[in-house]
Amino acid sequence: MQQISGTVAVVESGRFVRRPPLRPVTLDLPGGRRGTAYTVGHPEPVTLRRTLRPAGAAANLMVVKAGTAAYLDVLREDLDDGRLTNESAAADLDHPSLRRTLRAAARAPRFRGPGTLPPFFATATGTRDGRPAVVLAHLGGADALLADMAEATGVPAGLGLAQLLDGTVGPAGVHPPEAVIDGERFFRELARECPGVEAVEEL
């Protein structure tokens, strides 16, 4: 709830700025994947600016149905107006109230759905060898993993911890995962721990 209210950190023109969350971003990705997702607060824009130093924009997006985005927007409005706390908004999301459901239904036509976007992905646009390029990385067969947030969070954390314990990760200090984790090993072990899940890269 904290990350869908107030302002959140994103990168624009290579610099940190704070913007309201739940802004729509329409994407046209490799493989004919098209749809709209919504900005949300999360560490990736901050850490990626430090590690990859994008010259353009970076944001974390939620892939949600239009009705869900509309309901989150109602919660955002009530959080920003002080009518809800993070805790009461989370309780309302778990058991939606009739009044907020009706408000969300009225504004739902303003929101677009995810179309054919993958449920969990990363994408980058830029130039490669002087030509425009787009790359999409996503998890194939990840529906079962993403259905259980405890597993979706715990398994990757455990795989990262294994690299820390065996000395793969270094140097000492506080680092974002992309700066120290052996990515190829991580995804190889993720596929072993979660059969059917594979890393897919499309250009």
N, C-alpha and C. Protein backbone atom coordinates (compact mmCIF):
# COMPACT_ATOMS: atom_id res chain seq x y z
N MET A 1 0.83 -1.20 0.00
CA MET A 1 0.00 0.00 0.00
C MET A 1 0.87 1.26 0.00
N GLN A 2 2.00 1.18 0.68
CA GLN A 2 2.90 2.32 0.69
C GLN A 2 3.42 2.61 -0.72
N GLN A 3 3.60 1.56 -1.51
CA GLN A 3 4.21 1.73 -2.83
C GLN A 3 3.20 2.05 -3.94
N ILE A 4 1.91 2.12 -3.60
CA ILE A 4 0.92 2.58 -4.60
C ILE A 4 0.33 3.93 -4.18
N SER A 5 0.94 4.59 -3.20
CA SER A 5 0.42 5.87 -2.72
C SER A 5 1.54 6.89 -2.64
N GLY A 6 1.18 8.14 -2.45
CA GLY A 6 2.19 9.19 -2.36
C GLY A 6 2.94 9.31 -3.67
N THR A 7 4.28 9.33 -3.59
CA THR A 7 5.12 9.33 -4.78
C THR A 7 6.13 8.20 -4.67
N VAL A 8 6.63 7.76 -5.81
CA VAL A 8 7.59 6.66 -5.83
C VAL A 8 8.78 7.07 -6.69
N ALA A 9 9.92 6.44 -6.44
CA ALA A 9 11.15 6.77 -7.18
C ALA A 9 11.16 6.07 -8.53
N VAL A 10 11.39 6.85 -9.58
CA VAL A 10 11.60 6.32 -10.93
C VAL A 10 12.79 7.07 -11.53
N VAL A 11 13.25 6.60 -12.66
CA VAL A 11 14.35 7.26 -13.36
C VAL A 11 13.79 7.86 -14.65
N GLU A 12 14.09 9.14 -14.87
CA GLU A 12 13.73 9.82 -16.11
C GLU A 12 14.96 10.58 -16.60
N SER A 13 15.30 10.38 -17.87
CA SER A 13 16.50 11.01 -18.45
C SER A 13 17.73 10.73 -17.61
N GLY A 14 17.79 9.51 -17.06
CA GLY A 14 18.95 9.09 -16.29
C GLY A 14 19.02 9.62 -14.88
N ARG A 15 17.99 10.33 -14.42
CA ARG A 15 18.00 10.93 -13.08
C ARG A 15 16.83 10.44 -12.24
N PHE A 16 17.05 10.39 -10.93
CA PHE A 16 15.97 10.04 -10.01
C PHE A 16 14.95 11.16 -9.96
N VAL A 17 13.69 10.79 -10.03
CA VAL A 17 12.60 11.73 -9.79
C VAL A 17 11.53 10.97 -9.01
N ARG A 18 10.64 11.71 -8.40
CA ARG A 18 9.52 11.08 -7.69
C ARG A 18 8.24 11.43 -8.42
N ARG A 19 7.44 10.41 -8.69
CA ARG A 19 6.20 10.57 -9.44
C ARG A 19 5.07 9.82 -8.73
N PRO A 20 3.82 10.20 -8.97
CA PRO A 20 2.70 9.42 -8.43
C PRO A 20 2.73 8.01 -9.01
N PRO A 21 2.35 7.01 -8.25
CA PRO A 21 2.30 5.64 -8.76
C PRO A 21 1.04 5.40 -9.59
N LEU A 22 0.96 4.21 -10.15
CA LEU A 22 -0.18 3.75 -10.95
C LEU A 22 -0.34 4.55 -12.24
N ARG A 23 0.78 5.07 -12.76
CA ARG A 23 0.74 5.70 -14.08
C ARG A 23 0.79 4.59 -15.13
N PRO A 24 -0.05 4.66 -16.16
CA PRO A 24 -0.06 3.61 -17.18
C PRO A 24 1.16 3.70 -18.09
N VAL A 25 1.73 2.55 -18.42
CA VAL A 25 2.82 2.46 -19.38
C VAL A 25 2.43 1.39 -20.40
N THR A 26 2.24 1.79 -21.64
CA THR A 26 1.87 0.85 -22.69
C THR A 26 3.13 0.36 -23.38
N LEU A 27 3.25 -0.96 -23.49
CA LEU A 27 4.45 -1.59 -24.02
C LEU A 27 4.14 -2.40 -25.27
N ASP A 28 5.08 -2.40 -26.19
CA ASP A 28 5.02 -3.23 -27.40
C ASP A 28 6.33 -4.01 -27.42
N LEU A 29 6.28 -5.28 -27.04
CA LEU A 29 7.47 -6.07 -26.78
C LEU A 29 7.69 -7.14 -27.84
N PRO A 30 8.89 -7.72 -27.88
CA PRO A 30 9.13 -8.80 -28.83
C PRO A 30 8.13 -9.94 -28.67
N GLY A 31 7.94 -10.69 -29.73
CA GLY A 31 7.02 -11.82 -29.69
C GLY A 31 5.56 -11.41 -29.76
N GLY A 32 5.28 -10.16 -30.18
CA GLY A 32 3.90 -9.71 -30.29
C GLY A 32 3.23 -9.47 -28.96
N ARG A 33 4.00 -9.29 -27.91
CA ARG A 33 3.42 -9.05 -26.58
C ARG A 33 3.15 -7.56 -26.42
N ARG A 34 1.87 -7.24 -26.21
CA ARG A 34 1.46 -5.84 -26.09
C ARG A 34 0.47 -5.70 -24.94
N GLY A 35 0.56 -4.58 -24.24
CA GLY A 35 -0.39 -4.32 -23.18
C GLY A 35 0.04 -3.15 -22.33
N THR A 36 -0.73 -2.90 -21.29
CA THR A 36 -0.46 -1.78 -20.39
C THR A 36 -0.21 -2.31 -18.98
N ALA A 37 0.82 -1.76 -18.34
CA ALA A 37 1.11 -2.06 -16.94
C ALA A 37 1.20 -0.73 -16.20
N TYR A 38 1.32 -0.78 -14.86
CA TYR A 38 1.20 0.43 -14.05
C TYR A 38 2.37 0.58 -13.10
N THR A 39 2.87 1.82 -12.99
CA THR A 39 4.04 2.07 -12.16
C THR A 39 3.74 1.82 -10.69
N VAL A 40 4.75 1.32 -9.99
CA VAL A 40 4.65 1.02 -8.57
C VAL A 40 6.03 1.23 -7.96
N GLY A 41 6.07 1.60 -6.70
CA GLY A 41 7.35 1.78 -6.03
C GLY A 41 8.04 0.44 -5.81
N HIS A 42 9.35 0.37 -6.07
CA HIS A 42 10.13 -0.84 -5.86
C HIS A 42 11.59 -0.48 -6.01
N PRO A 43 12.53 -1.30 -5.50
CA PRO A 43 13.94 -0.91 -5.53
C PRO A 43 14.60 -0.90 -6.90
N GLU A 44 14.06 -1.64 -7.89
CA GLU A 44 14.80 -1.83 -9.13
C GLU A 44 15.20 -0.55 -9.85
N PRO A 45 14.33 0.45 -9.99
CA PRO A 45 14.81 1.67 -10.67
C PRO A 45 16.00 2.31 -9.95
N VAL A 46 16.01 2.23 -8.64
CA VAL A 46 17.11 2.81 -7.87
C VAL A 46 18.39 2.02 -8.07
N THR A 47 18.30 0.68 -7.93
CA THR A 47 19.52 -0.13 -8.04
C THR A 47 20.02 -0.20 -9.47
N LEU A 48 19.11 -0.28 -10.44
CA LEU A 48 19.55 -0.35 -11.84
C LEU A 48 20.23 0.94 -12.29
N ARG A 49 19.80 2.06 -11.72
CA ARG A 49 20.49 3.31 -12.08
C ARG A 49 21.93 3.27 -11.61
N ARG A 50 22.16 2.61 -10.48
CA ARG A 50 23.53 2.54 -9.94
C ARG A 50 24.38 1.51 -10.66
N THR A 51 23.76 0.43 -11.14
CA THR A 51 24.55 -0.64 -11.75
C THR A 51 24.62 -0.52 -13.27
N LEU A 52 23.49 -0.29 -13.94
CA LEU A 52 23.47 -0.24 -15.40
C LEU A 52 23.53 1.18 -15.95
N ARG A 53 23.22 2.16 -15.11
CA ARG A 53 23.25 3.57 -15.48
C ARG A 53 22.47 3.87 -16.77
N PRO A 54 21.17 3.58 -16.78
CA PRO A 54 20.39 3.87 -17.99
C PRO A 54 20.36 5.37 -18.28
N ALA A 55 20.46 5.71 -19.57
CA ALA A 55 20.43 7.12 -19.96
C ALA A 55 19.01 7.64 -20.04
N GLY A 56 18.04 6.74 -20.16
CA GLY A 56 16.65 7.15 -20.32
C GLY A 56 15.84 6.93 -19.07
N ALA A 57 14.76 6.16 -19.20
CA ALA A 57 13.82 5.95 -18.11
C ALA A 57 13.91 4.52 -17.56
N ALA A 58 13.58 4.38 -16.28
CA ALA A 58 13.49 3.07 -15.64
C ALA A 58 12.39 3.14 -14.59
N ALA A 59 11.52 2.14 -14.61
CA ALA A 59 10.43 2.10 -13.64
C ALA A 59 10.04 0.65 -13.38
N ASN A 60 9.46 0.40 -12.23
CA ASN A 60 8.91 -0.91 -11.92
C ASN A 60 7.42 -0.86 -12.21
N LEU A 61 6.91 -1.89 -12.86
CA LEU A 61 5.51 -1.91 -13.28
C LEU A 61 4.78 -3.11 -12.69
N MET A 62 3.48 -2.94 -12.45
CA MET A 62 2.61 -4.04 -12.06
C MET A 62 1.79 -4.45 -13.27
N VAL A 63 1.75 -5.75 -13.53
CA VAL A 63 0.91 -6.29 -14.59
C VAL A 63 -0.37 -6.77 -13.91
N VAL A 64 -1.44 -6.00 -14.06
CA VAL A 64 -2.71 -6.31 -13.40
C VAL A 64 -3.87 -6.06 -14.36
N LYS A 65 -4.99 -6.67 -14.07
CA LYS A 65 -6.19 -6.44 -14.86
C LYS A 65 -6.66 -5.00 -14.65
N ALA A 66 -7.43 -4.51 -15.62
CA ALA A 66 -7.91 -3.13 -15.55
C ALA A 66 -8.74 -2.90 -14.29
N GLY A 67 -9.59 -3.85 -13.92
CA GLY A 67 -10.41 -3.70 -12.72
C GLY A 67 -9.58 -3.63 -11.46
N THR A 68 -8.50 -4.41 -11.41
CA THR A 68 -7.60 -4.37 -10.25
C THR A 68 -6.90 -3.02 -10.17
N ALA A 69 -6.43 -2.53 -11.32
CA ALA A 69 -5.77 -1.23 -11.34
C ALA A 69 -6.73 -0.14 -10.87
N ALA A 70 -7.99 -0.22 -11.28
CA ALA A 70 -8.98 0.77 -10.86
C ALA A 70 -9.21 0.72 -9.35
N TYR A 71 -9.28 -0.51 -8.80
CA TYR A 71 -9.48 -0.61 -7.35
C TYR A 71 -8.26 -0.09 -6.59
N LEU A 72 -7.05 -0.42 -7.08
CA LEU A 72 -5.84 0.11 -6.44
C LEU A 72 -5.82 1.63 -6.52
N ASP A 73 -6.33 2.19 -7.60
CA ASP A 73 -6.38 3.65 -7.74
C ASP A 73 -7.32 4.27 -6.71
N VAL A 74 -8.43 3.59 -6.43
CA VAL A 74 -9.34 4.06 -5.38
C VAL A 74 -8.62 4.03 -4.03
N LEU A 75 -7.92 2.95 -3.74
CA LEU A 75 -7.16 2.87 -2.49
C LEU A 75 -6.10 3.96 -2.43
N ARG A 76 -5.40 4.18 -3.56
CA ARG A 76 -4.38 5.23 -3.61
C ARG A 76 -4.98 6.58 -3.25
N GLU A 77 -6.11 6.88 -3.84
CA GLU A 77 -6.78 8.16 -3.59
C GLU A 77 -7.13 8.30 -2.11
N ASP A 78 -7.66 7.23 -1.50
CA ASP A 78 -8.06 7.31 -0.10
C ASP A 78 -6.85 7.32 0.83
N LEU A 79 -5.77 6.66 0.44
CA LEU A 79 -4.53 6.74 1.21
C LEU A 79 -3.97 8.16 1.17
N ASP A 80 -3.92 8.74 -0.01
CA ASP A 80 -3.36 10.08 -0.16
C ASP A 80 -4.21 11.13 0.54
N ASP A 81 -5.52 10.89 0.64
CA ASP A 81 -6.41 11.83 1.32
C ASP A 81 -6.49 11.59 2.83
N GLY A 82 -5.79 10.56 3.31
CA GLY A 82 -5.78 10.27 4.75
C GLY A 82 -6.99 9.50 5.25
N ARG A 83 -7.82 9.00 4.34
CA ARG A 83 -8.99 8.23 4.77
C ARG A 83 -8.64 6.78 5.10
N LEU A 84 -7.48 6.35 4.67
CA LEU A 84 -7.00 4.99 4.95
C LEU A 84 -5.56 5.06 5.41
N THR A 85 -5.17 4.09 6.23
CA THR A 85 -3.76 3.86 6.55
C THR A 85 -3.28 2.70 5.68
N ASN A 86 -1.98 2.46 5.66
CA ASN A 86 -1.48 1.31 4.91
C ASN A 86 -2.15 0.03 5.39
N GLU A 87 -2.32 -0.09 6.71
CA GLU A 87 -2.90 -1.31 7.28
C GLU A 87 -4.37 -1.46 6.91
N SER A 88 -5.14 -0.37 7.03
CA SER A 88 -6.57 -0.47 6.72
C SER A 88 -6.78 -0.64 5.21
N ALA A 89 -5.91 -0.06 4.39
CA ALA A 89 -6.02 -0.25 2.94
C ALA A 89 -5.72 -1.69 2.57
N ALA A 90 -4.71 -2.29 3.21
CA ALA A 90 -4.40 -3.70 2.94
C ALA A 90 -5.57 -4.59 3.35
N ALA A 91 -6.21 -4.28 4.47
CA ALA A 91 -7.38 -5.06 4.91
C ALA A 91 -8.52 -4.90 3.91
N ASP A 92 -8.69 -3.68 3.38
CA ASP A 92 -9.75 -3.44 2.40
C ASP A 92 -9.47 -4.20 1.10
N LEU A 93 -8.21 -4.28 0.71
CA LEU A 93 -7.86 -5.01 -0.49
C LEU A 93 -8.17 -6.49 -0.32
N ASP A 94 -7.96 -7.01 0.89
CA ASP A 94 -8.25 -8.42 1.16
C ASP A 94 -9.75 -8.69 1.18
N HIS A 95 -10.52 -7.72 1.67
CA HIS A 95 -11.99 -7.83 1.72
C HIS A 95 -12.57 -6.53 1.16
N PRO A 96 -12.66 -6.41 -0.18
CA PRO A 96 -13.10 -5.15 -0.79
C PRO A 96 -14.46 -4.69 -0.28
N SER A 97 -14.54 -3.40 0.02
CA SER A 97 -15.82 -2.83 0.46
C SER A 97 -16.71 -2.55 -0.74
N LEU A 98 -18.00 -2.55 -0.52
CA LEU A 98 -18.95 -2.31 -1.61
C LEU A 98 -18.78 -0.90 -2.18
N ARG A 99 -18.60 0.07 -1.29
CA ARG A 99 -18.49 1.46 -1.75
C ARG A 99 -17.26 1.64 -2.64
N ARG A 100 -16.13 1.09 -2.24
CA ARG A 100 -14.92 1.24 -3.06
C ARG A 100 -15.02 0.40 -4.33
N THR A 101 -15.70 -0.73 -4.25
CA THR A 101 -15.90 -1.54 -5.45
C THR A 101 -16.71 -0.77 -6.49
N LEU A 102 -17.74 -0.05 -6.05
CA LEU A 102 -18.55 0.74 -6.96
C LEU A 102 -17.75 1.91 -7.54
N ARG A 103 -16.95 2.55 -6.72
CA ARG A 103 -16.10 3.64 -7.21
C ARG A 103 -15.11 3.11 -8.25
N ALA A 104 -14.54 1.94 -7.98
CA ALA A 104 -13.59 1.35 -8.91
C ALA A 104 -14.28 0.98 -10.23
N ALA A 105 -15.48 0.44 -10.14
CA ALA A 105 -16.22 0.06 -11.35
C ALA A 105 -16.49 1.27 -12.23
N ALA A 106 -16.76 2.42 -11.60
CA ALA A 106 -17.05 3.63 -12.36
C ALA A 106 -15.82 4.13 -13.11
N ARG A 107 -14.63 3.92 -12.53
CA ARG A 107 -13.43 4.42 -13.20
C ARG A 107 -12.69 3.36 -14.01
N ALA A 108 -13.12 2.10 -13.92
CA ALA A 108 -12.44 1.01 -14.62
C ALA A 108 -12.30 1.24 -16.13
N PRO A 109 -13.30 1.84 -16.82
CA PRO A 109 -13.13 2.04 -18.26
C PRO A 109 -11.94 2.92 -18.63
N ARG A 110 -11.42 3.70 -17.68
CA ARG A 110 -10.25 4.55 -17.97
C ARG A 110 -8.95 3.76 -17.96
N PHE A 111 -9.00 2.53 -17.45
CA PHE A 111 -7.79 1.72 -17.34
C PHE A 111 -7.74 0.67 -18.43
N ARG A 112 -6.54 0.35 -18.86
CA ARG A 112 -6.34 -0.68 -19.87
C ARG A 112 -5.76 -1.93 -19.21
N GLY A 113 -6.01 -3.05 -19.84
CA GLY A 113 -5.55 -4.33 -19.31
C GLY A 113 -4.16 -4.70 -19.79
N PRO A 114 -3.64 -5.83 -19.28
CA PRO A 114 -2.27 -6.25 -19.60
C PRO A 114 -2.11 -6.86 -20.97
N GLY A 115 -3.22 -7.11 -21.68
CA GLY A 115 -3.10 -7.69 -23.02
C GLY A 115 -2.34 -9.01 -22.98
N THR A 116 -1.27 -9.08 -23.76
CA THR A 116 -0.48 -10.32 -23.83
C THR A 116 0.87 -10.19 -23.14
N LEU A 117 1.01 -9.21 -22.24
CA LEU A 117 2.26 -9.07 -21.50
C LEU A 117 2.48 -10.31 -20.62
N PRO A 118 3.75 -10.76 -20.48
CA PRO A 118 4.02 -11.85 -19.54
C PRO A 118 3.70 -11.38 -18.11
N PRO A 119 3.42 -12.30 -17.19
CA PRO A 119 3.10 -11.88 -15.83
C PRO A 119 4.30 -11.33 -15.05
N PHE A 120 5.52 -11.72 -15.45
CA PHE A 120 6.72 -11.30 -14.72
C PHE A 120 7.85 -11.21 -15.73
N PHE A 121 8.41 -10.01 -15.93
CA PHE A 121 9.40 -9.85 -16.98
C PHE A 121 10.27 -8.62 -16.73
N ALA A 122 11.33 -8.53 -17.51
CA ALA A 122 12.15 -7.31 -17.58
C ALA A 122 12.36 -7.01 -19.05
N THR A 123 12.36 -5.76 -19.40
CA THR A 123 12.61 -5.37 -20.78
C THR A 123 13.48 -4.13 -20.82
N ALA A 124 14.26 -4.02 -21.88
CA ALA A 124 15.12 -2.85 -22.06
C ALA A 124 15.09 -2.46 -23.53
N THR A 125 15.09 -1.16 -23.76
CA THR A 125 15.18 -0.63 -25.12
C THR A 125 16.40 0.26 -25.19
N GLY A 126 16.99 0.32 -26.36
CA GLY A 126 18.16 1.16 -26.54
C GLY A 126 18.75 0.94 -27.91
N THR A 127 20.08 1.00 -28.00
CA THR A 127 20.76 0.75 -29.26
C THR A 127 21.79 -0.34 -29.07
N ARG A 128 21.96 -1.15 -30.09
CA ARG A 128 23.00 -2.18 -30.12
C ARG A 128 23.68 -2.09 -31.48
N ASP A 129 24.98 -1.88 -31.46
CA ASP A 129 25.74 -1.69 -32.70
C ASP A 129 25.15 -0.57 -33.55
N GLY A 130 24.69 0.48 -32.85
CA GLY A 130 24.18 1.65 -33.55
C GLY A 130 22.77 1.53 -34.06
N ARG A 131 22.08 0.42 -33.79
CA ARG A 131 20.72 0.22 -34.26
C ARG A 131 19.76 0.09 -33.09
N PRO A 132 18.50 0.54 -33.25
CA PRO A 132 17.52 0.38 -32.17
C PRO A 132 17.33 -1.10 -31.83
N ALA A 133 17.20 -1.39 -30.55
CA ALA A 133 17.04 -2.78 -30.10
C ALA A 133 16.12 -2.83 -28.90
N VAL A 134 15.40 -3.94 -28.79
CA VAL A 134 14.54 -4.21 -27.64
C VAL A 134 14.83 -5.64 -27.20
N VAL A 135 14.98 -5.85 -25.91
CA VAL A 135 15.16 -7.20 -25.39
C VAL A 135 14.13 -7.43 -24.29
N LEU A 136 13.59 -8.63 -24.28
CA LEU A 136 12.60 -9.04 -23.28
C LEU A 136 13.12 -10.29 -22.60
N ALA A 137 13.16 -10.27 -21.27
CA ALA A 137 13.53 -11.46 -20.50
C ALA A 137 12.36 -11.78 -19.58
N HIS A 138 11.93 -13.04 -19.61
CA HIS A 138 10.82 -13.44 -18.75
C HIS A 138 10.98 -14.90 -18.36
N LEU A 139 10.17 -15.32 -17.43
CA LEU A 139 10.20 -16.70 -16.97
C LEU A 139 9.11 -17.48 -17.69
N GLY A 140 9.51 -18.49 -18.44
CA GLY A 140 8.53 -19.37 -19.07
C GLY A 140 8.06 -20.41 -18.06
N GLY A 141 6.79 -20.74 -18.11
CA GLY A 141 6.25 -21.75 -17.20
C GLY A 141 6.22 -21.30 -15.75
N ALA A 142 6.14 -20.00 -15.51
CA ALA A 142 6.24 -19.48 -14.15
C ALA A 142 4.91 -19.33 -13.44
N ASP A 143 3.80 -19.69 -14.08
CA ASP A 143 2.49 -19.46 -13.48
C ASP A 143 2.36 -20.10 -12.11
N ALA A 144 2.82 -21.35 -11.98
CA ALA A 144 2.70 -22.05 -10.69
C ALA A 144 3.55 -21.36 -9.63
N LEU A 145 4.76 -20.95 -9.99
CA LEU A 145 5.64 -20.27 -9.03
C LEU A 145 5.03 -18.95 -8.59
N LEU A 146 4.50 -18.17 -9.55
CA LEU A 146 3.98 -16.85 -9.21
C LEU A 146 2.65 -16.92 -8.46
N ALA A 147 2.00 -18.07 -8.48
CA ALA A 147 0.74 -18.22 -7.75
C ALA A 147 0.96 -18.31 -6.24
N ASP A 148 2.18 -18.62 -5.82
CA ASP A 148 2.52 -18.75 -4.40
C ASP A 148 3.60 -17.73 -4.08
N MET A 149 3.21 -16.57 -3.51
CA MET A 149 4.18 -15.49 -3.28
C MET A 149 5.26 -15.88 -2.29
N ALA A 150 4.94 -16.77 -1.34
CA ALA A 150 5.97 -17.22 -0.39
C ALA A 150 7.06 -17.96 -1.15
N GLU A 151 6.66 -18.84 -2.06
CA GLU A 151 7.65 -19.58 -2.85
C GLU A 151 8.35 -18.66 -3.83
N ALA A 152 7.60 -17.78 -4.48
CA ALA A 152 8.18 -16.88 -5.46
C ALA A 152 9.22 -15.95 -4.83
N THR A 153 9.06 -15.63 -3.55
CA THR A 153 10.03 -14.79 -2.85
C THR A 153 11.13 -15.63 -2.20
N GLY A 154 10.73 -16.74 -1.58
CA GLY A 154 11.68 -17.54 -0.79
C GLY A 154 12.70 -18.29 -1.62
N VAL A 155 12.27 -18.89 -2.74
CA VAL A 155 13.20 -19.68 -3.55
C VAL A 155 14.33 -18.81 -4.10
N PRO A 156 14.03 -17.68 -4.76
CA PRO A 156 15.14 -16.84 -5.23
C PRO A 156 16.05 -16.34 -4.10
N ALA A 157 15.46 -15.99 -2.97
CA ALA A 157 16.28 -15.54 -1.84
C ALA A 157 17.21 -16.66 -1.38
N GLY A 158 16.69 -17.89 -1.32
CA GLY A 158 17.51 -19.04 -0.92
C GLY A 158 18.63 -19.30 -1.91
N LEU A 159 18.36 -19.17 -3.20
CA LEU A 159 19.39 -19.38 -4.21
C LEU A 159 20.48 -18.30 -4.11
N GLY A 160 20.06 -17.08 -3.84
CA GLY A 160 21.05 -16.02 -3.63
C GLY A 160 21.88 -16.26 -2.39
N LEU A 161 21.23 -16.73 -1.32
CA LEU A 161 21.95 -17.03 -0.08
C LEU A 161 22.97 -18.14 -0.30
N ALA A 162 22.63 -19.15 -1.10
CA ALA A 162 23.58 -20.23 -1.39
C ALA A 162 24.84 -19.68 -2.03
N GLN A 163 24.70 -18.70 -2.92
CA GLN A 163 25.89 -18.10 -3.54
C GLN A 163 26.70 -17.30 -2.52
N LEU A 164 26.01 -16.67 -1.60
CA LEU A 164 26.71 -15.92 -0.55
C LEU A 164 27.50 -16.88 0.34
N LEU A 165 26.88 -18.01 0.72
CA LEU A 165 27.51 -18.95 1.64
C LEU A 165 28.71 -19.66 1.02
N ASP A 166 28.67 -19.93 -0.30
CA ASP A 166 29.80 -20.65 -0.89
C ASP A 166 30.86 -19.71 -1.47
N GLY A 167 30.70 -18.41 -1.23
CA GLY A 167 31.73 -17.45 -1.63
C GLY A 167 31.62 -16.96 -3.06
N THR A 168 30.56 -17.33 -3.78
CA THR A 168 30.40 -16.84 -5.15
C THR A 168 30.17 -15.34 -5.16
N VAL A 169 29.39 -14.86 -4.19
CA VAL A 169 29.06 -13.44 -4.11
C VAL A 169 30.20 -12.68 -3.47
N GLY A 170 30.54 -11.57 -4.02
CA GLY A 170 31.55 -10.70 -3.44
C GLY A 170 31.54 -9.38 -4.19
N PRO A 171 32.18 -8.37 -3.71
CA PRO A 171 32.87 -8.26 -2.43
C PRO A 171 31.89 -8.03 -1.28
N ALA A 172 32.43 -7.98 -0.06
CA ALA A 172 31.59 -7.74 1.11
C ALA A 172 30.92 -6.38 1.01
N GLY A 173 29.77 -6.27 1.64
CA GLY A 173 29.06 -5.00 1.66
C GLY A 173 27.61 -5.19 1.28
N VAL A 174 26.93 -4.07 1.07
CA VAL A 174 25.52 -4.09 0.69
C VAL A 174 25.43 -3.80 -0.80
N HIS A 175 24.87 -4.74 -1.56
CA HIS A 175 24.80 -4.61 -3.01
C HIS A 175 23.44 -5.07 -3.52
N PRO A 176 22.98 -4.52 -4.62
CA PRO A 176 21.77 -5.07 -5.25
C PRO A 176 22.12 -6.41 -5.89
N PRO A 177 21.14 -7.29 -6.04
CA PRO A 177 21.43 -8.63 -6.58
C PRO A 177 22.15 -8.61 -7.92
N GLU A 178 21.73 -7.72 -8.84
CA GLU A 178 22.31 -7.76 -10.18
C GLU A 178 23.79 -7.40 -10.19
N ALA A 179 24.31 -6.81 -9.09
CA ALA A 179 25.71 -6.42 -9.04
C ALA A 179 26.61 -7.56 -8.59
N VAL A 180 26.06 -8.57 -7.91
CA VAL A 180 26.93 -9.59 -7.32
C VAL A 180 26.50 -11.04 -7.60
N ILE A 181 25.26 -11.27 -7.95
CA ILE A 181 24.78 -12.64 -8.17
C ILE A 181 25.24 -13.14 -9.54
N ASP A 182 25.68 -14.40 -9.61
CA ASP A 182 25.99 -15.05 -10.87
C ASP A 182 24.66 -15.42 -11.53
N GLY A 183 24.26 -14.63 -12.52
CA GLY A 183 22.94 -14.78 -13.12
C GLY A 183 22.73 -16.11 -13.81
N GLU A 184 23.72 -16.59 -14.55
CA GLU A 184 23.55 -17.86 -15.25
C GLU A 184 23.35 -19.00 -14.26
N ARG A 185 24.15 -19.01 -13.21
CA ARG A 185 23.98 -20.05 -12.19
C ARG A 185 22.62 -19.92 -11.51
N PHE A 186 22.21 -18.69 -11.21
CA PHE A 186 20.94 -18.47 -10.54
C PHE A 186 19.79 -19.06 -11.32
N PHE A 187 19.71 -18.76 -12.62
CA PHE A 187 18.57 -19.24 -13.41
C PHE A 187 18.66 -20.74 -13.67
N ARG A 188 19.87 -21.27 -13.75
CA ARG A 188 20.03 -22.73 -13.89
C ARG A 188 19.49 -23.44 -12.64
N GLU A 189 19.82 -22.90 -11.47
CA GLU A 189 19.35 -23.52 -10.22
C GLU A 189 17.86 -23.26 -10.00
N LEU A 190 17.36 -22.12 -10.46
CA LEU A 190 15.93 -21.85 -10.35
C LEU A 190 15.14 -22.88 -11.15
N ALA A 191 15.62 -23.21 -12.36
CA ALA A 191 14.95 -24.22 -13.19
C ALA A 191 14.98 -25.59 -12.50
N ARG A 192 16.04 -25.89 -11.76
CA ARG A 192 16.11 -27.18 -11.06
C ARG A 192 15.16 -27.21 -9.87
N GLU A 193 15.08 -26.10 -9.13
CA GLU A 193 14.22 -26.05 -7.94
C GLU A 193 12.74 -25.92 -8.30
N CYS A 194 12.46 -25.32 -9.45
CA CYS A 194 11.08 -25.09 -9.88
C CYS A 194 10.91 -25.68 -11.28
N PRO A 195 10.70 -27.00 -11.38
CA PRO A 195 10.58 -27.64 -12.69
C PRO A 195 9.52 -26.95 -13.55
N GLY A 196 9.84 -26.77 -14.81
CA GLY A 196 8.93 -26.11 -15.74
C GLY A 196 9.20 -24.64 -15.89
N VAL A 197 10.00 -24.05 -14.98
CA VAL A 197 10.34 -22.64 -15.06
C VAL A 197 11.66 -22.50 -15.79
N GLU A 198 11.70 -21.63 -16.77
CA GLU A 198 12.94 -21.40 -17.50
C GLU A 198 13.08 -19.92 -17.85
N ALA A 199 14.30 -19.47 -17.93
CA ALA A 199 14.56 -18.09 -18.33
C ALA A 199 14.52 -17.99 -19.84
N VAL A 200 13.78 -17.03 -20.37
CA VAL A 200 13.63 -16.85 -21.81
C VAL A 200 14.05 -15.43 -22.16
N GLU A 201 14.91 -15.31 -23.18
CA GLU A 201 15.32 -13.99 -23.66
C GLU A 201 14.91 -13.88 -25.11
N GLU A 202 14.26 -12.78 -25.45
CA GLU A 202 13.82 -12.56 -26.83
C GLU A 202 14.32 -11.20 -27.29
N LEU A 203 14.87 -11.15 -28.49
CA LEU A 203 15.37 -9.90 -29.06
C LEU A 203 14.40 -9.38 -30.10
